[in-house]
């Protein structure tokens, strides 16, 4: 069976069961990487902060963060599917989502998303109101600013909207620090520049990551009238901007070299630099004039997109690893 939508026909699959539908609404596979960044922020905090926290405290915080973060981010994704119910059937990447498949109504996706997003963000109140604040901020920013306001209006949608996806490290750090440590009423005051470096890493990573996907799926966003950068300014300009953001990532990794007060060891600069060069090469390899494959996609853009996923995960794990040994063990590679 199929539904004629005027552009492509969407083949309807049998209902897979409500558990599978809810999992697909939440986009759990996408959320995994976000949770890795939050967990790494918790581990870095507990490794370098002078506190009396035990490993049990760390594990409890990780558990709350994983559950709360999964629910809040999953709720945001479900709400996004409610709003994008009109364009999801038009793109190959999204036409098999639960709403265009008819497995749940748009209103059902909205209610489900609202319930679990509020529940997940509220869960952070157990450990820190600032963690709850940044979780609610992420949901509101993603839904209202990115999905509803920016996504269909400007090619800068991914750049600005990336702020929502950059908050998991802030949430994890605030959850680990707790309200007794972060006793100010300013949600921006997290007691250290480290979580904001995490935030900046994800923020600068987001545009080349998503633009590679847009290039890989070239033409699909135009079909849905979503003004992605490559559809508005062309693939050459998009690749150029992606290279600019790679340079920003390289500079961000060198922070310990010119900002000793960051508290990060010099070893981080070498690891971050190597990983960024490894990822940036895939961006430099993208050829805007590359012939597309049989599905109309750019293979080198696809390679860059998938490498970006590994890059972000390895960057966060590397930061955890350099914080494990005491600073005195690192010698000249320790904090300046």
C-alpha atoms as a PDB file:
ATOM      1  CA  UNK A   1       0.000   0.000   0.000  1.00  0.00           C
ATOM      2  CA  UNK A   2       1.200   3.546  -0.689  1.00  0.00           C
ATOM      3  CA  UNK A   3       0.051   7.104  -0.274  1.00  0.00           C
ATOM      4  CA  UNK A   4       0.332   9.534  -3.200  1.00  0.00           C
ATOM      5  CA  UNK A   5       1.773  12.745  -1.804  1.00  0.00           C
ATOM      6  CA  UNK A   6       2.187  14.525  -5.105  1.00  0.00           C
ATOM      7  CA  UNK A   7       5.996  14.161  -5.132  1.00  0.00           C
ATOM      8  CA  UNK A   8       6.910  10.608  -4.202  1.00  0.00           C
ATOM      9  CA  UNK A   9       4.847   7.714  -3.053  1.00  0.00           C
ATOM     10  CA  UNK A  10       5.425   6.571   0.490  1.00  0.00           C
ATOM     11  CA  UNK A  11       5.106   2.822   0.911  1.00  0.00           C
ATOM     12  CA  UNK A  12       3.344   2.080   4.179  1.00  0.00           C
ATOM     13  CA  UNK A  13       4.784  -0.637   6.380  1.00  0.00           C
ATOM     14  CA  UNK A  14       2.761  -2.703   8.869  1.00  0.00           C
ATOM     15  CA  UNK A  15       2.524  -1.223  12.347  1.00  0.00           C
ATOM     16  CA  UNK A  16       5.683  -2.439  14.170  1.00  0.00           C
ATOM     17  CA  UNK A  17       4.214  -2.170  17.676  1.00  0.00           C
ATOM     18  CA  UNK A  18       4.070   0.776  20.036  1.00  0.00           C
ATOM     19  CA  UNK A  19       7.455   0.215  21.658  1.00  0.00           C
ATOM     20  CA  UNK A  20       9.170   0.423  18.278  1.00  0.00           C
ATOM     21  CA  UNK A  21       7.074   3.446  17.309  1.00  0.00           C
ATOM     22  CA  UNK A  22       8.060   5.310  20.469  1.00  0.00           C
ATOM     23  CA  UNK A  23      11.726   4.406  19.939  1.00  0.00           C
ATOM     24  CA  UNK A  24      11.603   5.760  16.394  1.00  0.00           C
ATOM     25  CA  UNK A  25       9.884   8.939  17.533  1.00  0.00           C
ATOM     26  CA  UNK A  26      12.690   9.517  20.027  1.00  0.00           C
ATOM     27  CA  UNK A  27      15.455   8.717  17.476  1.00  0.00           C
ATOM     28  CA  UNK A  28      17.373   6.771  20.099  1.00  0.00           C
ATOM     29  CA  UNK A  29      20.345   6.025  17.859  1.00  0.00           C
ATOM     30  CA  UNK A  30      20.934   9.751  17.388  1.00  0.00           C
ATOM     31  CA  UNK A  31      20.614  10.410  21.114  1.00  0.00           C
ATOM     32  CA  UNK A  32      23.414   7.978  21.992  1.00  0.00           C
ATOM     33  CA  UNK A  33      26.126  10.393  20.843  1.00  0.00           C
ATOM     34  CA  UNK A  34      24.580  13.232  22.850  1.00  0.00           C
ATOM     35  CA  UNK A  35      24.592  11.094  25.966  1.00  0.00           C
ATOM     36  CA  UNK A  36      28.253  10.206  25.416  1.00  0.00           C
ATOM     37  CA  UNK A  37      29.142  13.909  25.497  1.00  0.00           C
ATOM     38  CA  UNK A  38      27.157  14.427  28.718  1.00  0.00           C
ATOM     39  CA  UNK A  39      28.741  11.384  30.398  1.00  0.00           C
ATOM     40  CA  UNK A  40      32.227  12.568  29.412  1.00  0.00           C
ATOM     41  CA  UNK A  41      31.507  15.961  30.975  1.00  0.00           C
ATOM     42  CA  UNK A  42      30.517  14.237  34.219  1.00  0.00           C
ATOM     43  CA  UNK A  43      33.684  12.119  34.223  1.00  0.00           C
ATOM     44  CA  UNK A  44      35.947  15.094  33.494  1.00  0.00           C
ATOM     45  CA  UNK A  45      34.299  17.075  36.289  1.00  0.00           C
ATOM     46  CA  UNK A  46      34.789  14.308  38.823  1.00  0.00           C
ATOM     47  CA  UNK A  47      38.389  13.739  37.706  1.00  0.00           C
ATOM     48  CA  UNK A  48      39.615  17.338  37.890  1.00  0.00           C
ATOM     49  CA  UNK A  49      37.281  19.063  40.359  1.00  0.00           C
ATOM     50  CA  UNK A  50      38.332  19.136  44.002  1.00  0.00           C
ATOM     51  CA  UNK A  51      35.297  17.511  45.621  1.00  0.00           C
ATOM     52  CA  UNK A  52      34.521  14.635  47.948  1.00  0.00           C
ATOM     53  CA  UNK A  53      32.383  12.816  45.384  1.00  0.00           C
ATOM     54  CA  UNK A  54      32.711   9.047  45.269  1.00  0.00           C
ATOM     55  CA  UNK A  55      32.482   6.754  42.248  1.00  0.00           C
ATOM     56  CA  UNK A  56      29.003   5.811  43.418  1.00  0.00           C
ATOM     57  CA  UNK A  57      28.034   9.495  43.237  1.00  0.00           C
ATOM     58  CA  UNK A  58      29.429   9.560  39.713  1.00  0.00           C
ATOM     59  CA  UNK A  59      27.472   6.482  38.652  1.00  0.00           C
ATOM     60  CA  UNK A  60      24.229   7.819  40.130  1.00  0.00           C
ATOM     61  CA  UNK A  61      24.721  11.126  38.315  1.00  0.00           C
ATOM     62  CA  UNK A  62      25.424   9.310  35.057  1.00  0.00           C
ATOM     63  CA  UNK A  63      22.271   7.225  35.491  1.00  0.00           C
ATOM     64  CA  UNK A  64      20.080  10.273  36.091  1.00  0.00           C
ATOM     65  CA  UNK A  65      21.700  12.109  33.194  1.00  0.00           C
ATOM     66  CA  UNK A  66      21.265   9.244  30.749  1.00  0.00           C
ATOM     67  CA  UNK A  67      17.601   8.736  31.650  1.00  0.00           C
ATOM     68  CA  UNK A  68      16.751  12.434  31.852  1.00  0.00           C
ATOM     69  CA  UNK A  69      18.750  13.328  28.753  1.00  0.00           C
ATOM     70  CA  UNK A  70      17.269  10.506  26.702  1.00  0.00           C
ATOM     71  CA  UNK A  71      13.722  11.482  27.624  1.00  0.00           C
ATOM     72  CA  UNK A  72      14.204  15.214  27.064  1.00  0.00           C
ATOM     73  CA  UNK A  73      16.102  14.845  23.773  1.00  0.00           C
ATOM     74  CA  UNK A  74      13.739  12.091  22.621  1.00  0.00           C
ATOM     75  CA  UNK A  75      10.781  14.293  23.440  1.00  0.00           C
ATOM     76  CA  UNK A  76      12.279  17.107  21.375  1.00  0.00           C
ATOM     77  CA  UNK A  77      12.677  14.751  18.417  1.00  0.00           C
ATOM     78  CA  UNK A  78       9.079  13.553  18.723  1.00  0.00           C
ATOM     79  CA  UNK A  79       7.761  17.123  18.839  1.00  0.00           C
ATOM     80  CA  UNK A  80       9.872  17.913  15.781  1.00  0.00           C
ATOM     81  CA  UNK A  81       8.192  15.040  13.929  1.00  0.00           C
ATOM     82  CA  UNK A  82       4.818  16.541  14.788  1.00  0.00           C
ATOM     83  CA  UNK A  83       5.818  19.875  13.296  1.00  0.00           C
ATOM     84  CA  UNK A  84       7.518  18.340  10.254  1.00  0.00           C
ATOM     85  CA  UNK A  85       4.617  16.006   9.439  1.00  0.00           C
ATOM     86  CA  UNK A  86       4.059  17.896   6.186  1.00  0.00           C
ATOM     87  CA  UNK A  87       7.631  17.660   4.858  1.00  0.00           C
ATOM     88  CA  UNK A  88       8.890  14.342   6.235  1.00  0.00           C
ATOM     89  CA  UNK A  89       7.043  12.334   3.518  1.00  0.00           C
ATOM     90  CA  UNK A  90       8.915  14.324   0.858  1.00  0.00           C
ATOM     91  CA  UNK A  91      12.427  13.181   1.798  1.00  0.00           C
ATOM     92  CA  UNK A  92      13.882   9.710   1.488  1.00  0.00           C
ATOM     93  CA  UNK A  93      15.684  10.142   4.817  1.00  0.00           C
ATOM     94  CA  UNK A  94      12.491  10.874   6.749  1.00  0.00           C
ATOM     95  CA  UNK A  95       9.614   9.273   4.860  1.00  0.00           C
ATOM     96  CA  UNK A  96       9.764   6.102   6.978  1.00  0.00           C
ATOM     97  CA  UNK A  97       9.283   7.911  10.268  1.00  0.00           C
ATOM     98  CA  UNK A  98       6.226   6.909  12.343  1.00  0.00           C
ATOM     99  CA  UNK A  99       4.070   9.918  11.407  1.00  0.00           C
ATOM    100  CA  UNK A 100       4.348   9.716   7.583  1.00  0.00           C
ATOM    101  CA  UNK A 101       3.995   5.935   7.898  1.00  0.00           C
ATOM    102  CA  UNK A 102       0.682   6.466   9.695  1.00  0.00           C
ATOM    103  CA  UNK A 103       1.833   4.523  12.776  1.00  0.00           C
ATOM    104  CA  UNK A 104       0.892   7.455  15.009  1.00  0.00           C
ATOM    105  CA  UNK A 105      -0.939  10.720  14.385  1.00  0.00           C
ATOM    106  CA  UNK A 106       0.926  14.049  14.447  1.00  0.00           C
ATOM    107  CA  UNK A 107      -1.036  15.011  17.557  1.00  0.00           C
ATOM    108  CA  UNK A 108      -0.081  11.728  19.207  1.00  0.00           C
ATOM    109  CA  UNK A 109       3.601  12.437  18.474  1.00  0.00           C
ATOM    110  CA  UNK A 110       3.207  15.913  19.970  1.00  0.00           C
ATOM    111  CA  UNK A 111       1.620  14.689  23.202  1.00  0.00           C
ATOM    112  CA  UNK A 112       4.144  11.892  23.598  1.00  0.00           C
ATOM    113  CA  UNK A 113       7.022  14.321  23.008  1.00  0.00           C
ATOM    114  CA  UNK A 114       5.722  16.916  25.451  1.00  0.00           C
ATOM    115  CA  UNK A 115       5.179  14.376  28.219  1.00  0.00           C
ATOM    116  CA  UNK A 116       8.598  12.739  28.078  1.00  0.00           C
ATOM    117  CA  UNK A 117      10.456  16.023  27.443  1.00  0.00           C
ATOM    118  CA  UNK A 118       8.984  17.623  30.572  1.00  0.00           C
ATOM    119  CA  UNK A 119       9.481  14.434  32.569  1.00  0.00           C
ATOM    120  CA  UNK A 120      13.105  14.058  31.470  1.00  0.00           C
ATOM    121  CA  UNK A 121      14.060  17.679  32.120  1.00  0.00           C
ATOM    122  CA  UNK A 122      12.318  17.669  35.505  1.00  0.00           C
ATOM    123  CA  UNK A 123      14.303  14.594  36.523  1.00  0.00           C
ATOM    124  CA  UNK A 124      17.449  16.727  36.689  1.00  0.00           C
ATOM    125  CA  UNK A 125      15.983  18.644  39.617  1.00  0.00           C
ATOM    126  CA  UNK A 126      17.091  15.673  41.729  1.00  0.00           C
ATOM    127  CA  UNK A 127      20.724  16.724  41.300  1.00  0.00           C
ATOM    128  CA  UNK A 128      20.796  20.360  40.143  1.00  0.00           C
ATOM    129  CA  UNK A 129      18.381  23.072  39.093  1.00  0.00           C
ATOM    130  CA  UNK A 130      20.998  24.317  36.604  1.00  0.00           C
ATOM    131  CA  UNK A 131      21.078  20.922  34.926  1.00  0.00           C
ATOM    132  CA  UNK A 132      17.269  21.066  34.712  1.00  0.00           C
ATOM    133  CA  UNK A 133      17.463  24.630  33.366  1.00  0.00           C
ATOM    134  CA  UNK A 134      19.812  23.664  30.518  1.00  0.00           C
ATOM    135  CA  UNK A 135      17.705  20.606  29.719  1.00  0.00           C
ATOM    136  CA  UNK A 136      14.522  22.677  29.449  1.00  0.00           C
ATOM    137  CA  UNK A 137      16.471  25.324  27.511  1.00  0.00           C
ATOM    138  CA  UNK A 138      17.607  22.703  25.015  1.00  0.00           C
ATOM    139  CA  UNK A 139      14.062  21.427  24.443  1.00  0.00           C
ATOM    140  CA  UNK A 140      12.571  24.899  24.014  1.00  0.00           C
ATOM    141  CA  UNK A 141      15.402  26.103  21.788  1.00  0.00           C
ATOM    142  CA  UNK A 142      15.278  23.022  19.564  1.00  0.00           C
ATOM    143  CA  UNK A 143      11.505  23.089  19.144  1.00  0.00           C
ATOM    144  CA  UNK A 144      10.703  26.799  18.997  1.00  0.00           C
ATOM    145  CA  UNK A 145      13.893  28.390  17.674  1.00  0.00           C
ATOM    146  CA  UNK A 146      15.228  25.683  15.378  1.00  0.00           C
ATOM    147  CA  UNK A 147      12.280  23.542  14.233  1.00  0.00           C
ATOM    148  CA  UNK A 148       9.539  26.159  14.080  1.00  0.00           C
ATOM    149  CA  UNK A 149      11.392  29.430  13.426  1.00  0.00           C
ATOM    150  CA  UNK A 150      14.746  28.811  11.709  1.00  0.00           C
ATOM    151  CA  UNK A 151      14.629  25.506   9.856  1.00  0.00           C
ATOM    152  CA  UNK A 152      12.407  26.643   6.974  1.00  0.00           C
ATOM    153  CA  UNK A 153      13.533  30.280   6.882  1.00  0.00           C
ATOM    154  CA  UNK A 154      17.320  30.572   6.725  1.00  0.00           C
ATOM    155  CA  UNK A 155      20.358  28.563   5.591  1.00  0.00           C
ATOM    156  CA  UNK A 156      21.850  29.422   8.980  1.00  0.00           C
ATOM    157  CA  UNK A 157      19.278  27.087  10.564  1.00  0.00           C
ATOM    158  CA  UNK A 158      21.865  24.453  11.491  1.00  0.00           C
ATOM    159  CA  UNK A 159      24.402  26.993  12.773  1.00  0.00           C
ATOM    160  CA  UNK A 160      22.068  28.723  15.222  1.00  0.00           C
ATOM    161  CA  UNK A 161      19.987  25.648  15.931  1.00  0.00           C
ATOM    162  CA  UNK A 162      23.170  23.808  16.879  1.00  0.00           C
ATOM    163  CA  UNK A 163      23.069  25.604  20.229  1.00  0.00           C
ATOM    164  CA  UNK A 164      20.383  23.150  21.394  1.00  0.00           C
ATOM    165  CA  UNK A 165      22.513  20.128  20.551  1.00  0.00           C
ATOM    166  CA  UNK A 166      25.542  21.626  22.282  1.00  0.00           C
ATOM    167  CA  UNK A 167      24.013  21.677  25.770  1.00  0.00           C
ATOM    168  CA  UNK A 168      24.457  18.036  26.961  1.00  0.00           C
ATOM    169  CA  UNK A 169      27.958  18.749  28.395  1.00  0.00           C
ATOM    170  CA  UNK A 170      26.538  21.741  30.299  1.00  0.00           C
ATOM    171  CA  UNK A 171      23.787  19.513  31.666  1.00  0.00           C
ATOM    172  CA  UNK A 172      26.220  16.765  32.648  1.00  0.00           C
ATOM    173  CA  UNK A 173      28.674  19.161  34.278  1.00  0.00           C
ATOM    174  CA  UNK A 174      25.952  20.944  36.241  1.00  0.00           C
ATOM    175  CA  UNK A 175      24.516  17.602  37.357  1.00  0.00           C
ATOM    176  CA  UNK A 176      27.932  16.510  38.626  1.00  0.00           C
ATOM    177  CA  UNK A 177      28.678  19.808  40.368  1.00  0.00           C
ATOM    178  CA  UNK A 178      25.283  20.025  42.070  1.00  0.00           C
ATOM    179  CA  UNK A 179      23.560  23.011  43.616  1.00  0.00           C
ATOM    180  CA  UNK A 180      25.803  23.051  46.702  1.00  0.00           C
ATOM    181  CA  UNK A 181      28.817  23.860  44.523  1.00  0.00           C
ATOM    182  CA  UNK A 182      27.075  25.991  41.915  1.00  0.00           C
ATOM    183  CA  UNK A 183      25.289  28.130  44.475  1.00  0.00           C
ATOM    184  CA  UNK A 184      24.866  31.229  42.276  1.00  0.00           C
ATOM    185  CA  UNK A 185      21.588  32.126  40.594  1.00  0.00           C
ATOM    186  CA  UNK A 186      23.313  32.611  37.241  1.00  0.00           C
ATOM    187  CA  UNK A 187      22.761  29.504  35.065  1.00  0.00           C
ATOM    188  CA  UNK A 188      25.804  30.469  32.992  1.00  0.00           C
ATOM    189  CA  UNK A 189      28.097  30.145  36.002  1.00  0.00           C
ATOM    190  CA  UNK A 190      29.218  26.524  36.024  1.00  0.00           C
ATOM    191  CA  UNK A 191      32.396  27.008  38.042  1.00  0.00           C
ATOM    192  CA  UNK A 192      34.798  26.192  35.190  1.00  0.00           C
ATOM    193  CA  UNK A 193      35.435  27.020  31.519  1.00  0.00           C
ATOM    194  CA  UNK A 194      35.716  23.295  30.688  1.00  0.00           C
ATOM    195  CA  UNK A 195      31.979  22.631  30.087  1.00  0.00           C
ATOM    196  CA  UNK A 196      31.860  25.673  27.823  1.00  0.00           C
ATOM    197  CA  UNK A 197      34.780  24.260  25.837  1.00  0.00           C
ATOM    198  CA  UNK A 198      32.736  21.073  25.457  1.00  0.00           C
ATOM    199  CA  UNK A 199      29.828  23.259  24.330  1.00  0.00           C
ATOM    200  CA  UNK A 200      31.969  25.104  21.764  1.00  0.00           C
ATOM    201  CA  UNK A 201      33.327  21.827  20.412  1.00  0.00           C
ATOM    202  CA  UNK A 202      29.836  20.550  19.570  1.00  0.00           C
ATOM    203  CA  UNK A 203      28.742  23.975  18.290  1.00  0.00           C
ATOM    204  CA  UNK A 204      31.614  24.248  15.779  1.00  0.00           C
ATOM    205  CA  UNK A 205      31.265  20.578  14.826  1.00  0.00           C
ATOM    206  CA  UNK A 206      27.545  20.783  14.011  1.00  0.00           C
ATOM    207  CA  UNK A 207      27.597  22.796  10.729  1.00  0.00           C
ATOM    208  CA  UNK A 208      30.135  20.660   8.803  1.00  0.00           C
ATOM    209  CA  UNK A 209      28.507  17.524  10.211  1.00  0.00           C
ATOM    210  CA  UNK A 210      25.007  18.393   8.983  1.00  0.00           C
ATOM    211  CA  UNK A 211      26.119  20.100   5.791  1.00  0.00           C
ATOM    212  CA  UNK A 212      27.922  16.889   4.816  1.00  0.00           C
ATOM    213  CA  UNK A 213      24.604  15.097   5.318  1.00  0.00           C
ATOM    214  CA  UNK A 214      22.828  17.728   3.219  1.00  0.00           C
ATOM    215  CA  UNK A 215      25.412  17.320   0.442  1.00  0.00           C
ATOM    216  CA  UNK A 216      25.167  13.556   0.707  1.00  0.00           C
ATOM    217  CA  UNK A 217      21.382  13.799   0.399  1.00  0.00           C
ATOM    218  CA  UNK A 218      21.653  16.558  -2.172  1.00  0.00           C
ATOM    219  CA  UNK A 219      18.299  17.665  -3.545  1.00  0.00           C
ATOM    220  CA  UNK A 220      16.119  16.183  -0.805  1.00  0.00           C
ATOM    221  CA  UNK A 221      15.960  19.333   1.338  1.00  0.00           C
ATOM    222  CA  UNK A 222      15.173  21.438  -1.728  1.00  0.00           C
ATOM    223  CA  UNK A 223      12.294  19.099  -2.508  1.00  0.00           C
ATOM    224  CA  UNK A 224      10.917  19.795   0.971  1.00  0.00           C
ATOM    225  CA  UNK A 225      11.697  23.533   0.605  1.00  0.00           C
ATOM    226  CA  UNK A 226      14.111  23.515   3.536  1.00  0.00           C
ATOM    227  CA  UNK A 227      16.810  26.147   2.769  1.00  0.00           C
ATOM    228  CA  UNK A 228      19.930  24.165   3.615  1.00  0.00           C
ATOM    229  CA  UNK A 229      23.187  25.968   2.828  1.00  0.00           C
ATOM    230  CA  UNK A 230      24.062  23.792  -0.171  1.00  0.00           C
ATOM    231  CA  UNK A 231      20.631  24.377  -1.723  1.00  0.00           C
ATOM    232  CA  UNK A 232      20.749  28.156  -1.230  1.00  0.00           C
ATOM    233  CA  UNK A 233      24.419  29.092  -1.677  1.00  0.00           C
ATOM    234  CA  UNK A 234      25.639  26.056  -3.588  1.00  0.00           C
ATOM    235  CA  UNK A 235      27.868  23.115  -2.691  1.00  0.00           C
ATOM    236  CA  UNK A 236      31.147  25.020  -3.275  1.00  0.00           C
ATOM    237  CA  UNK A 237      30.254  27.688  -0.711  1.00  0.00           C
ATOM    238  CA  UNK A 238      28.990  25.035   1.703  1.00  0.00           C
ATOM    239  CA  UNK A 239      32.266  23.110   1.539  1.00  0.00           C
ATOM    240  CA  UNK A 240      34.205  26.364   2.037  1.00  0.00           C
ATOM    241  CA  UNK A 241      32.225  27.189   5.175  1.00  0.00           C
ATOM    242  CA  UNK A 242      32.708  23.638   6.431  1.00  0.00           C
ATOM    243  CA  UNK A 243      36.461  24.145   6.124  1.00  0.00           C
ATOM    244  CA  UNK A 244      36.190  27.386   8.106  1.00  0.00           C
ATOM    245  CA  UNK A 245      34.482  25.530  10.946  1.00  0.00           C
ATOM    246  CA  UNK A 246      37.205  22.853  10.844  1.00  0.00           C
ATOM    247  CA  UNK A 247      39.775  25.618  11.375  1.00  0.00           C
ATOM    248  CA  UNK A 248      37.709  26.803  14.346  1.00  0.00           C
ATOM    249  CA  UNK A 249      37.783  23.266  15.737  1.00  0.00           C
ATOM    250  CA  UNK A 250      41.563  23.170  15.350  1.00  0.00           C
ATOM    251  CA  UNK A 251      41.924  26.475  17.203  1.00  0.00           C
ATOM    252  CA  UNK A 252      39.578  25.258  19.931  1.00  0.00           C
ATOM    253  CA  UNK A 253      41.726  22.191  20.480  1.00  0.00           C
ATOM    254  CA  UNK A 254      44.776  24.407  20.984  1.00  0.00           C
ATOM    255  CA  UNK A 255      43.174  26.288  23.892  1.00  0.00           C
ATOM    256  CA  UNK A 256      45.634  24.860  26.487  1.00  0.00           C
ATOM    257  CA  UNK A 257      48.500  26.477  24.544  1.00  0.00           C
ATOM    258  CA  UNK A 258      47.262  30.057  24.970  1.00  0.00           C
ATOM    259  CA  UNK A 259      44.841  29.832  27.909  1.00  0.00           C
ATOM    260  CA  UNK A 260      46.532  28.094  30.862  1.00  0.00           C
ATOM    261  CA  UNK A 261      43.623  29.060  33.130  1.00  0.00           C
ATOM    262  CA  UNK A 262      41.399  26.636  31.227  1.00  0.00           C
ATOM    263  CA  UNK A 263      42.806  23.870  33.416  1.00  0.00           C
ATOM    264  CA  UNK A 264      43.245  21.488  30.471  1.00  0.00           C
ATOM    265  CA  UNK A 265      46.568  19.648  30.063  1.00  0.00           C
ATOM    266  CA  UNK A 266      48.794  20.447  27.092  1.00  0.00           C
ATOM    267  CA  UNK A 267      48.462  16.809  26.019  1.00  0.00           C
ATOM    268  CA  UNK A 268      44.877  17.606  25.059  1.00  0.00           C
ATOM    269  CA  UNK A 269      46.086  20.087  22.428  1.00  0.00           C
ATOM    270  CA  UNK A 270      48.131  17.402  20.663  1.00  0.00           C
ATOM    271  CA  UNK A 271      45.361  14.781  20.777  1.00  0.00           C
ATOM    272  CA  UNK A 272      42.677  17.261  19.709  1.00  0.00           C
ATOM    273  CA  UNK A 273      44.879  18.598  16.918  1.00  0.00           C
ATOM    274  CA  UNK A 274      45.547  15.138  15.534  1.00  0.00           C
ATOM    275  CA  UNK A 275      41.907  14.096  15.648  1.00  0.00           C
ATOM    276  CA  UNK A 276      40.759  17.369  14.075  1.00  0.00           C
ATOM    277  CA  UNK A 277      43.240  17.069  11.211  1.00  0.00           C
ATOM    278  CA  UNK A 278      42.040  13.492  10.672  1.00  0.00           C
ATOM    279  CA  UNK A 279      38.425  14.683  10.480  1.00  0.00           C
ATOM    280  CA  UNK A 280      39.186  17.846   8.495  1.00  0.00           C
ATOM    281  CA  UNK A 281      40.814  15.775   5.763  1.00  0.00           C
ATOM    282  CA  UNK A 282      37.433  14.205   5.027  1.00  0.00           C
ATOM    283  CA  UNK A 283      35.953  17.700   4.683  1.00  0.00           C
ATOM    284  CA  UNK A 284      38.771  18.823   2.384  1.00  0.00           C
ATOM    285  CA  UNK A 285      38.238  15.677   0.291  1.00  0.00           C
ATOM    286  CA  UNK A 286      34.620  16.610  -0.490  1.00  0.00           C
ATOM    287  CA  UNK A 287      34.406  17.486  -4.166  1.00  0.00           C
ATOM    288  CA  UNK A 288      31.365  19.659  -4.984  1.00  0.00           C
ATOM    289  CA  UNK A 289      31.662  18.501  -8.601  1.00  0.00           C
ATOM    290  CA  UNK A 290      31.897  14.820  -7.727  1.00  0.00           C
ATOM    291  CA  UNK A 291      29.578  12.630  -9.804  1.00  0.00           C
ATOM    292  CA  UNK A 292      26.722  11.327  -7.712  1.00  0.00           C
ATOM    293  CA  UNK A 293      26.023   7.641  -7.215  1.00  0.00           C
ATOM    294  CA  UNK A 294      22.992   5.754  -8.512  1.00  0.00           C
ATOM    295  CA  UNK A 295      20.863   7.325  -5.769  1.00  0.00           C
ATOM    296  CA  UNK A 296      21.965  10.883  -6.602  1.00  0.00           C
ATOM    297  CA  UNK A 297      24.227  11.117  -3.534  1.00  0.00           C
ATOM    298  CA  UNK A 298      27.809  12.358  -3.066  1.00  0.00           C
ATOM    299  CA  UNK A 299      29.950   9.495  -1.690  1.00  0.00           C
ATOM    300  CA  UNK A 300      32.755  11.694  -0.283  1.00  0.00           C
ATOM    301  CA  UNK A 301      30.238  13.822   1.582  1.00  0.00           C
ATOM    302  CA  UNK A 302      28.812  10.632   3.078  1.00  0.00           C
ATOM    303  CA  UNK A 303      32.303   9.594   4.212  1.00  0.00           C
ATOM    304  CA  UNK A 304      32.804  12.965   5.913  1.00  0.00           C
ATOM    305  CA  UNK A 305      29.408  12.732   7.619  1.00  0.00           C
ATOM    306  CA  UNK A 306      30.116   9.329   9.146  1.00  0.00           C
ATOM    307  CA  UNK A 307      33.676  10.278  10.107  1.00  0.00           C
ATOM    308  CA  UNK A 308      32.299  13.313  11.947  1.00  0.00           C
ATOM    309  CA  UNK A 309      30.339  11.001  14.260  1.00  0.00           C
ATOM    310  CA  UNK A 310      33.495   9.128  15.252  1.00  0.00           C
ATOM    311  CA  UNK A 311      35.384  12.402  15.587  1.00  0.00           C
ATOM    312  CA  UNK A 312      33.012  13.917  18.130  1.00  0.00           C
ATOM    313  CA  UNK A 313      32.971  10.767  20.226  1.00  0.00           C
ATOM    314  CA  UNK A 314      36.748  10.364  20.178  1.00  0.00           C
ATOM    315  CA  UNK A 315      37.311  14.036  21.047  1.00  0.00           C
ATOM    316  CA  UNK A 316      35.234  13.708  24.195  1.00  0.00           C
ATOM    317  CA  UNK A 317      36.739  10.372  25.174  1.00  0.00           C
ATOM    318  CA  UNK A 318      40.246  11.777  24.629  1.00  0.00           C
ATOM    319  CA  UNK A 319      39.502  14.641  26.998  1.00  0.00           C
ATOM    320  CA  UNK A 320      38.432  12.150  29.647  1.00  0.00           C
ATOM    321  CA  UNK A 321      41.583  10.081  29.175  1.00  0.00           C
ATOM    322  CA  UNK A 322      43.980  13.035  29.550  1.00  0.00           C
ATOM    323  CA  UNK A 323      42.283  13.932  32.835  1.00  0.00           C
ATOM    324  CA  UNK A 324      42.728  10.439  34.345  1.00  0.00           C
ATOM    325  CA  UNK A 325      46.417  10.644  35.343  1.00  0.00           C
ATOM    326  CA  UNK A 326      47.387  13.203  38.008  1.00  0.00           C
ATOM    327  CA  UNK A 327      48.716  16.430  36.511  1.00  0.00           C
ATOM    328  CA  UNK A 328      52.155  15.741  38.018  1.00  0.00           C
ATOM    329  CA  UNK A 329      52.464  12.544  35.968  1.00  0.00           C
ATOM    330  CA  UNK A 330      52.088  14.422  32.691  1.00  0.00           C
ATOM    331  CA  UNK A 331      55.159  16.594  33.262  1.00  0.00           C
ATOM    332  CA  UNK A 332      55.528  19.174  30.483  1.00  0.00           C
ATOM    333  CA  UNK A 333      52.337  17.831  28.866  1.00  0.00           C
ATOM    334  CA  UNK A 334      50.262  18.750  31.919  1.00  0.00           C
ATOM    335  CA  UNK A 335      48.450  22.031  32.628  1.00  0.00           C
ATOM    336  CA  UNK A 336      50.633  25.038  31.833  1.00  0.00           C
END
